[in-house]
Amino acid sequence: MRAIGQTAEGRFVFLVFTLRHRDSKTFLRPISARFMHQPEIDHYENQT
């Protein structure tokens, strides 16, 4: 799965993760997390 978010400081973050299920609990397993580049931010803001 992918997610885009914004930190408390206002920086945009791009996340890639999977959901794991174990013992009737759901865990988020991060694969990658990084700050977005300006062209990515511009594209994201134009989509919303």
N, C-alpha and C. Protein backbone atom coordinates (compact mmCIF):
# COMPACT_ATOMS: atom_id res chain seq x y z
N MET A 1 0.85 -1.17 0.00
CA MET A 1 0.00 0.00 0.00
C MET A 1 0.89 1.23 0.00
N ARG A 2 0.31 2.35 -0.42
CA ARG A 2 1.02 3.61 -0.43
C ARG A 2 0.22 4.65 0.33
N ALA A 3 0.92 5.59 0.92
CA ALA A 3 0.25 6.69 1.62
C ALA A 3 1.09 7.95 1.48
N ILE A 4 0.40 9.07 1.41
CA ILE A 4 1.05 10.37 1.38
C ILE A 4 0.52 11.15 2.56
N GLY A 5 1.43 11.76 3.30
CA GLY A 5 1.02 12.53 4.46
C GLY A 5 1.87 13.76 4.63
N GLN A 6 1.58 14.49 5.67
CA GLN A 6 2.30 15.72 5.95
C GLN A 6 2.71 15.71 7.42
N THR A 7 3.96 16.07 7.68
CA THR A 7 4.45 16.10 9.05
C THR A 7 3.91 17.34 9.77
N ALA A 8 4.13 17.40 11.07
CA ALA A 8 3.71 18.56 11.85
C ALA A 8 4.42 19.83 11.37
N GLU A 9 5.61 19.65 10.79
CA GLU A 9 6.38 20.80 10.28
C GLU A 9 5.94 21.20 8.88
N GLY A 10 5.04 20.42 8.26
CA GLY A 10 4.53 20.77 6.94
C GLY A 10 5.21 20.09 5.77
N ARG A 11 6.14 19.18 6.03
CA ARG A 11 6.83 18.47 4.94
C ARG A 11 6.00 17.27 4.51
N PHE A 12 5.94 17.05 3.19
CA PHE A 12 5.18 15.93 2.65
C PHE A 12 6.03 14.66 2.70
N VAL A 13 5.38 13.55 3.05
CA VAL A 13 6.06 12.27 3.21
C VAL A 13 5.35 11.22 2.34
N PHE A 14 6.14 10.37 1.69
CA PHE A 14 5.63 9.27 0.88
C PHE A 14 5.98 7.97 1.60
N LEU A 15 4.98 7.13 1.84
CA LEU A 15 5.18 5.88 2.57
C LEU A 15 4.73 4.69 1.73
N VAL A 16 5.48 3.60 1.83
CA VAL A 16 5.08 2.32 1.24
C VAL A 16 5.09 1.32 2.39
N PHE A 17 4.00 0.55 2.53
CA PHE A 17 3.90 -0.36 3.66
C PHE A 17 2.99 -1.53 3.32
N THR A 18 3.06 -2.56 4.15
CA THR A 18 2.14 -3.69 4.05
C THR A 18 1.42 -3.83 5.38
N LEU A 19 0.28 -4.48 5.33
CA LEU A 19 -0.45 -4.79 6.55
C LEU A 19 -0.24 -6.27 6.85
N ARG A 20 0.11 -6.59 8.06
CA ARG A 20 0.31 -7.98 8.49
C ARG A 20 -0.70 -8.31 9.57
N HIS A 21 -1.26 -9.49 9.50
CA HIS A 21 -2.23 -9.95 10.49
C HIS A 21 -1.62 -11.11 11.27
N ARG A 22 -1.60 -10.97 12.59
CA ARG A 22 -1.05 -12.00 13.46
C ARG A 22 -1.83 -12.01 14.77
N ASP A 23 -2.32 -13.17 15.15
CA ASP A 23 -3.04 -13.32 16.42
C ASP A 23 -4.19 -12.32 16.54
N SER A 24 -4.98 -12.21 15.50
CA SER A 24 -6.14 -11.31 15.43
C SER A 24 -5.78 -9.83 15.63
N LYS A 25 -4.51 -9.49 15.40
CA LYS A 25 -4.06 -8.10 15.45
C LYS A 25 -3.53 -7.72 14.07
N THR A 26 -3.64 -6.45 13.73
CA THR A 26 -3.12 -5.95 12.46
C THR A 26 -1.93 -5.06 12.73
N PHE A 27 -0.84 -5.33 12.01
CA PHE A 27 0.39 -4.57 12.15
C PHE A 27 0.72 -3.89 10.83
N LEU A 28 1.26 -2.71 10.90
CA LEU A 28 1.72 -1.99 9.73
C LEU A 28 3.22 -2.24 9.63
N ARG A 29 3.65 -2.76 8.48
CA ARG A 29 5.07 -3.02 8.26
C ARG A 29 5.60 -2.05 7.22
N PRO A 30 6.41 -1.06 7.63
CA PRO A 30 6.91 -0.08 6.67
C PRO A 30 7.95 -0.71 5.74
N ILE A 31 7.88 -0.36 4.48
CA ILE A 31 8.85 -0.80 3.48
C ILE A 31 9.78 0.36 3.16
N SER A 32 9.19 1.55 2.95
CA SER A 32 9.97 2.72 2.59
C SER A 32 9.25 3.96 3.09
N ALA A 33 10.01 4.96 3.49
CA ALA A 33 9.47 6.25 3.89
C ALA A 33 10.48 7.32 3.51
N ARG A 34 9.99 8.36 2.83
CA ARG A 34 10.91 9.42 2.42
C ARG A 34 10.14 10.72 2.24
N PHE A 35 10.87 11.82 2.28
CA PHE A 35 10.27 13.11 2.00
C PHE A 35 10.08 13.24 0.49
N MET A 36 9.00 13.88 0.09
CA MET A 36 8.68 14.03 -1.33
C MET A 36 9.45 15.21 -1.92
N HIS A 37 9.76 15.10 -3.24
CA HIS A 37 10.40 16.18 -3.98
C HIS A 37 9.33 17.15 -4.46
N GLN A 38 9.71 18.35 -4.77
CA GLN A 38 8.76 19.39 -5.14
C GLN A 38 7.88 19.01 -6.34
N PRO A 39 8.41 18.40 -7.41
CA PRO A 39 7.51 18.01 -8.51
C PRO A 39 6.44 17.01 -8.06
N GLU A 40 6.78 16.12 -7.15
CA GLU A 40 5.80 15.16 -6.61
C GLU A 40 4.73 15.88 -5.80
N ILE A 41 5.14 16.84 -5.01
CA ILE A 41 4.20 17.62 -4.20
C ILE A 41 3.25 18.39 -5.11
N ASP A 42 3.80 19.02 -6.15
CA ASP A 42 2.97 19.77 -7.09
C ASP A 42 1.94 18.85 -7.74
N HIS A 43 2.36 17.67 -8.16
CA HIS A 43 1.45 16.72 -8.79
C HIS A 43 0.37 16.29 -7.80
N TYR A 44 0.75 15.98 -6.57
CA TYR A 44 -0.21 15.56 -5.55
C TYR A 44 -1.24 16.65 -5.27
N GLU A 45 -0.77 17.88 -5.12
CA GLU A 45 -1.68 18.98 -4.82
C GLU A 45 -2.63 19.28 -5.98
N ASN A 46 -2.21 19.03 -7.21
CA ASN A 46 -3.09 19.24 -8.36
C ASN A 46 -4.14 18.14 -8.46
N GLN A 47 -3.88 16.95 -7.87
CA GLN A 47 -4.81 15.85 -7.92
C GLN A 47 -5.92 15.97 -6.89
N THR A 48 -5.67 16.69 -5.82
CA THR A 48 -6.66 16.77 -4.74
C THR A 48 -7.51 18.02 -4.86
